[in-house]
Amino acid sequence: MANNPPAGFPRVTPYLFYEEPGAAVDWLVEAFGFKERFRMPGPDGKVNHAEVEVERDSVVMMGHPGPDYQGPKKHGHVHVLVYIYVDDVDGHFARAKGAGATVLQEPADQGYGDRTYLVADPEGHQWNFAQHVRDVRPEEMIQQSAG
């Protein structure tokens, strides 16, 4: 009997659309240190589906939905961001910035206990990276948000 989800996949897996999934994989590996797992070419020979591994236990899938697709950068709207925990957020930020990520927010400590930064990839998808640095009680978070 087949495993559900398949071996090596978490129950929730983001699937992002890219105009150039092959170029996206190359950039994500360089900028964020992801590991390429799989590329599948379409009838035209270009990558139309790919998978990258994030850290030890997560996967991001990506693909090209068709010729009319426009990514967030061209479309001018971002509808989702991916939030990923890393072990050294400041070192990770330096790598991403060095690879040309568009910096939207520099690393900063957040009231909910994470140190985070926010960048966009070349097609405009937003990536929020975090390192949990402090445990915060839910009551404290609510108090902070109330002002």
C-alpha atoms as a PDB file:
ATOM      1  CA  MET A   1       0.000   0.000   0.000  1.00  0.00           C
ATOM      2  CA  ALA A   2       1.262   3.473  -0.839  1.00  0.00           C
ATOM      3  CA  ASN A   3       2.219   5.914   1.919  1.00  0.00           C
ATOM      4  CA  ASN A   4       0.077   9.013   2.231  1.00  0.00           C
ATOM      5  CA  PRO A   5       1.679  11.490   2.034  1.00  0.00           C
ATOM      6  CA  PRO A   6       4.466   9.936  -0.029  1.00  0.00           C
ATOM      7  CA  ALA A   7       7.768   9.295   1.755  1.00  0.00           C
ATOM      8  CA  GLY A   8       9.796  12.483   2.016  1.00  0.00           C
ATOM      9  CA  PHE A   9       6.829  14.856   1.811  1.00  0.00           C
ATOM     10  CA  PRO A  10       5.172  16.771   4.648  1.00  0.00           C
ATOM     11  CA  ARG A  11       1.379  17.005   4.763  1.00  0.00           C
ATOM     12  CA  VAL A  12       1.444  20.646   3.654  1.00  0.00           C
ATOM     13  CA  THR A  13       3.655  21.509   0.697  1.00  0.00           C
ATOM     14  CA  PRO A  14       3.687  24.953  -0.922  1.00  0.00           C
ATOM     15  CA  TYR A  15       3.432  24.919  -4.718  1.00  0.00           C
ATOM     16  CA  LEU A  16       4.567  28.158  -6.356  1.00  0.00           C
ATOM     17  CA  PHE A  17       4.107  29.119  -9.991  1.00  0.00           C
ATOM     18  CA  TYR A  18       7.108  30.509 -11.862  1.00  0.00           C
ATOM     19  CA  GLU A  19       7.543  31.787 -15.391  1.00  0.00           C
ATOM     20  CA  GLU A  20      10.909  29.992 -15.444  1.00  0.00           C
ATOM     21  CA  PRO A  21      10.900  27.150 -12.890  1.00  0.00           C
ATOM     22  CA  GLY A  22      14.365  25.949 -13.932  1.00  0.00           C
ATOM     23  CA  ALA A  23      15.913  29.359 -13.324  1.00  0.00           C
ATOM     24  CA  ALA A  24      13.969  29.611 -10.057  1.00  0.00           C
ATOM     25  CA  VAL A  25      15.451  26.336  -8.793  1.00  0.00           C
ATOM     26  CA  ASP A  26      18.972  27.473  -9.652  1.00  0.00           C
ATOM     27  CA  TRP A  27      18.460  30.783  -7.853  1.00  0.00           C
ATOM     28  CA  LEU A  28      16.777  29.267  -4.773  1.00  0.00           C
ATOM     29  CA  VAL A  29      19.644  26.799  -4.383  1.00  0.00           C
ATOM     30  CA  GLU A  30      22.236  29.582  -4.637  1.00  0.00           C
ATOM     31  CA  ALA A  31      20.455  32.238  -2.571  1.00  0.00           C
ATOM     32  CA  PHE A  32      18.758  30.190   0.137  1.00  0.00           C
ATOM     33  CA  GLY A  33      20.807  26.987   0.241  1.00  0.00           C
ATOM     34  CA  PHE A  34      17.885  24.773  -0.756  1.00  0.00           C
ATOM     35  CA  LYS A  35      18.683  21.384  -2.290  1.00  0.00           C
ATOM     36  CA  GLU A  36      17.308  20.443  -5.674  1.00  0.00           C
ATOM     37  CA  ARG A  37      15.288  17.223  -5.530  1.00  0.00           C
ATOM     38  CA  PHE A  38      13.678  16.900  -8.941  1.00  0.00           C
ATOM     39  CA  ARG A  39      13.134  18.594 -12.311  1.00  0.00           C
ATOM     40  CA  MET A  40      10.650  17.460 -14.930  1.00  0.00           C
ATOM     41  CA  PRO A  41      10.703  18.901 -18.447  1.00  0.00           C
ATOM     42  CA  GLY A  42       7.551  19.674 -20.363  1.00  0.00           C
ATOM     43  CA  PRO A  43       6.941  18.949 -24.054  1.00  0.00           C
ATOM     44  CA  ASP A  44       8.987  22.027 -25.016  1.00  0.00           C
ATOM     45  CA  GLY A  45      12.015  20.766 -23.058  1.00  0.00           C
ATOM     46  CA  LYS A  46      11.776  23.519 -20.436  1.00  0.00           C
ATOM     47  CA  VAL A  47      11.256  22.664 -16.781  1.00  0.00           C
ATOM     48  CA  ASN A  48       7.548  22.655 -15.989  1.00  0.00           C
ATOM     49  CA  HIS A  49       7.746  21.055 -12.514  1.00  0.00           C
ATOM     50  CA  ALA A  50      10.505  21.047  -9.908  1.00  0.00           C
ATOM     51  CA  GLU A  51      11.024  20.369  -6.220  1.00  0.00           C
ATOM     52  CA  VAL A  52      13.507  21.739  -3.709  1.00  0.00           C
ATOM     53  CA  GLU A  53      14.221  20.526  -0.204  1.00  0.00           C
ATOM     54  CA  VAL A  54      14.262  23.076   2.590  1.00  0.00           C
ATOM     55  CA  GLU A  55      16.414  22.166   5.576  1.00  0.00           C
ATOM     56  CA  ARG A  56      15.746  18.576   6.657  1.00  0.00           C
ATOM     57  CA  ASP A  57      12.010  18.216   6.614  1.00  0.00           C
ATOM     58  CA  SER A  58      10.267  20.449   4.108  1.00  0.00           C
ATOM     59  CA  VAL A  59       9.679  20.630   0.376  1.00  0.00           C
ATOM     60  CA  VAL A  60       8.649  23.440  -1.955  1.00  0.00           C
ATOM     61  CA  MET A  61       7.256  22.455  -5.334  1.00  0.00           C
ATOM     62  CA  MET A  62       7.092  24.777  -8.298  1.00  0.00           C
ATOM     63  CA  GLY A  63       5.832  24.714 -11.819  1.00  0.00           C
ATOM     64  CA  HIS A  64       4.802  26.660 -14.878  1.00  0.00           C
ATOM     65  CA  PRO A  65       1.019  26.817 -15.334  1.00  0.00           C
ATOM     66  CA  GLY A  66       1.038  27.942 -18.964  1.00  0.00           C
ATOM     67  CA  PRO A  67       1.972  30.708 -21.384  1.00  0.00           C
ATOM     68  CA  ASP A  68      -0.444  33.302 -19.978  1.00  0.00           C
ATOM     69  CA  TYR A  69       0.956  33.147 -16.447  1.00  0.00           C
ATOM     70  CA  GLN A  70       2.525  36.296 -15.010  1.00  0.00           C
ATOM     71  CA  GLY A  71       4.484  36.159 -11.785  1.00  0.00           C
ATOM     72  CA  PRO A  72       4.064  38.567  -8.871  1.00  0.00           C
ATOM     73  CA  LYS A  73       6.729  40.939 -10.184  1.00  0.00           C
ATOM     74  CA  LYS A  74       5.027  41.406 -13.566  1.00  0.00           C
ATOM     75  CA  HIS A  75       1.504  41.220 -12.181  1.00  0.00           C
ATOM     76  CA  GLY A  76       2.249  43.674  -9.389  1.00  0.00           C
ATOM     77  CA  HIS A  77       0.555  41.657  -6.642  1.00  0.00           C
ATOM     78  CA  VAL A  78       1.822  39.163  -4.102  1.00  0.00           C
ATOM     79  CA  HIS A  79      -0.816  36.822  -2.712  1.00  0.00           C
ATOM     80  CA  VAL A  80       1.301  34.564  -0.535  1.00  0.00           C
ATOM     81  CA  LEU A  81       4.637  34.402   1.218  1.00  0.00           C
ATOM     82  CA  VAL A  82       6.517  31.374   2.456  1.00  0.00           C
ATOM     83  CA  TYR A  83       7.651  31.435   6.124  1.00  0.00           C
ATOM     84  CA  ILE A  84      10.669  29.223   6.809  1.00  0.00           C
ATOM     85  CA  TYR A  85      12.642  28.602   9.998  1.00  0.00           C
ATOM     86  CA  VAL A  86      16.436  28.449   9.664  1.00  0.00           C
ATOM     87  CA  ASP A  87      19.179  27.912  12.248  1.00  0.00           C
ATOM     88  CA  ASP A  88      21.136  31.149  11.600  1.00  0.00           C
ATOM     89  CA  VAL A  89      18.849  33.852  10.237  1.00  0.00           C
ATOM     90  CA  ASP A  90      21.561  36.528  10.051  1.00  0.00           C
ATOM     91  CA  GLY A  91      23.948  34.276   8.131  1.00  0.00           C
ATOM     92  CA  HIS A  92      21.097  33.173   5.891  1.00  0.00           C
ATOM     93  CA  PHE A  93      20.224  36.817   5.204  1.00  0.00           C
ATOM     94  CA  ALA A  94      23.813  37.587   4.190  1.00  0.00           C
ATOM     95  CA  ARG A  95      23.751  34.694   1.711  1.00  0.00           C
ATOM     96  CA  ALA A  96      20.393  35.716   0.214  1.00  0.00           C
ATOM     97  CA  LYS A  97      21.417  39.358  -0.087  1.00  0.00           C
ATOM     98  CA  GLY A  98      24.724  38.351  -1.687  1.00  0.00           C
ATOM     99  CA  ALA A  99      22.812  36.325  -4.296  1.00  0.00           C
ATOM    100  CA  GLY A 100      20.721  39.353  -5.246  1.00  0.00           C
ATOM    101  CA  ALA A 101      17.525  38.861  -3.253  1.00  0.00           C
ATOM    102  CA  THR A 102      15.411  42.010  -3.089  1.00  0.00           C
ATOM    103  CA  VAL A 103      15.468  42.981   0.580  1.00  0.00           C
ATOM    104  CA  LEU A 104      12.011  43.964   1.831  1.00  0.00           C
ATOM    105  CA  GLN A 105      12.818  43.859   5.564  1.00  0.00           C
ATOM    106  CA  GLU A 106      16.239  43.588   7.196  1.00  0.00           C
ATOM    107  CA  PRO A 107      16.671  41.067  10.038  1.00  0.00           C
ATOM    108  CA  ALA A 108      14.862  42.219  13.178  1.00  0.00           C
ATOM    109  CA  ASP A 109      13.562  40.729  16.411  1.00  0.00           C
ATOM    110  CA  GLN A 110       9.777  40.380  16.454  1.00  0.00           C
ATOM    111  CA  GLY A 111       7.480  40.574  19.470  1.00  0.00           C
ATOM    112  CA  TYR A 112       6.319  36.996  18.951  1.00  0.00           C
ATOM    113  CA  GLY A 113       9.819  35.630  19.600  1.00  0.00           C
ATOM    114  CA  ASP A 114      11.244  35.197  16.104  1.00  0.00           C
ATOM    115  CA  ARG A 115      14.089  37.090  14.447  1.00  0.00           C
ATOM    116  CA  THR A 116      13.013  37.477  10.817  1.00  0.00           C
ATOM    117  CA  TYR A 117      13.849  38.982   7.469  1.00  0.00           C
ATOM    118  CA  LEU A 118      11.784  39.294   4.296  1.00  0.00           C
ATOM    119  CA  VAL A 119      13.058  39.148   0.713  1.00  0.00           C
ATOM    120  CA  ALA A 120      11.667  38.682  -2.785  1.00  0.00           C
ATOM    121  CA  ASP A 121      13.125  36.358  -5.394  1.00  0.00           C
ATOM    122  CA  PRO A 122      13.736  37.478  -9.007  1.00  0.00           C
ATOM    123  CA  GLU A 123      10.110  36.743 -10.013  1.00  0.00           C
ATOM    124  CA  GLY A 124       8.699  38.593  -6.996  1.00  0.00           C
ATOM    125  CA  HIS A 125       7.702  35.723  -4.684  1.00  0.00           C
ATOM    126  CA  GLN A 126       8.182  36.726  -1.056  1.00  0.00           C
ATOM    127  CA  TRP A 127      10.171  34.605   1.371  1.00  0.00           C
ATOM    128  CA  ASN A 128      10.162  35.258   5.114  1.00  0.00           C
ATOM    129  CA  PHE A 129      12.970  33.526   7.017  1.00  0.00           C
ATOM    130  CA  ALA A 130      12.963  33.225  10.793  1.00  0.00           C
ATOM    131  CA  GLN A 131      14.915  31.953  13.745  1.00  0.00           C
ATOM    132  CA  HIS A 132      13.009  31.427  16.976  1.00  0.00           C
ATOM    133  CA  VAL A 133      15.009  33.277  19.643  1.00  0.00           C
ATOM    134  CA  ARG A 134      12.546  33.686  22.512  1.00  0.00           C
ATOM    135  CA  ASP A 135       9.452  31.895  23.758  1.00  0.00           C
ATOM    136  CA  VAL A 136       6.504  34.275  24.116  1.00  0.00           C
ATOM    137  CA  ARG A 137       3.245  33.431  25.852  1.00  0.00           C
ATOM    138  CA  PRO A 138       0.084  33.947  23.747  1.00  0.00           C
ATOM    139  CA  GLU A 139      -1.178  36.460  26.341  1.00  0.00           C
ATOM    140  CA  GLU A 140       1.980  38.535  25.862  1.00  0.00           C
ATOM    141  CA  MET A 141       1.538  38.502  22.067  1.00  0.00           C
ATOM    142  CA  ILE A 142      -2.062  39.699  22.428  1.00  0.00           C
ATOM    143  CA  GLN A 143      -0.971  42.420  24.835  1.00  0.00           C
ATOM    144  CA  GLN A 144       1.737  43.600  22.414  1.00  0.00           C
ATOM    145  CA  SER A 145      -0.648  43.722  19.466  1.00  0.00           C
ATOM    146  CA  ALA A 146      -3.186  45.750  21.465  1.00  0.00           C
ATOM    147  CA  GLY A 147      -0.633  48.473  21.777  1.00  0.00           C
END
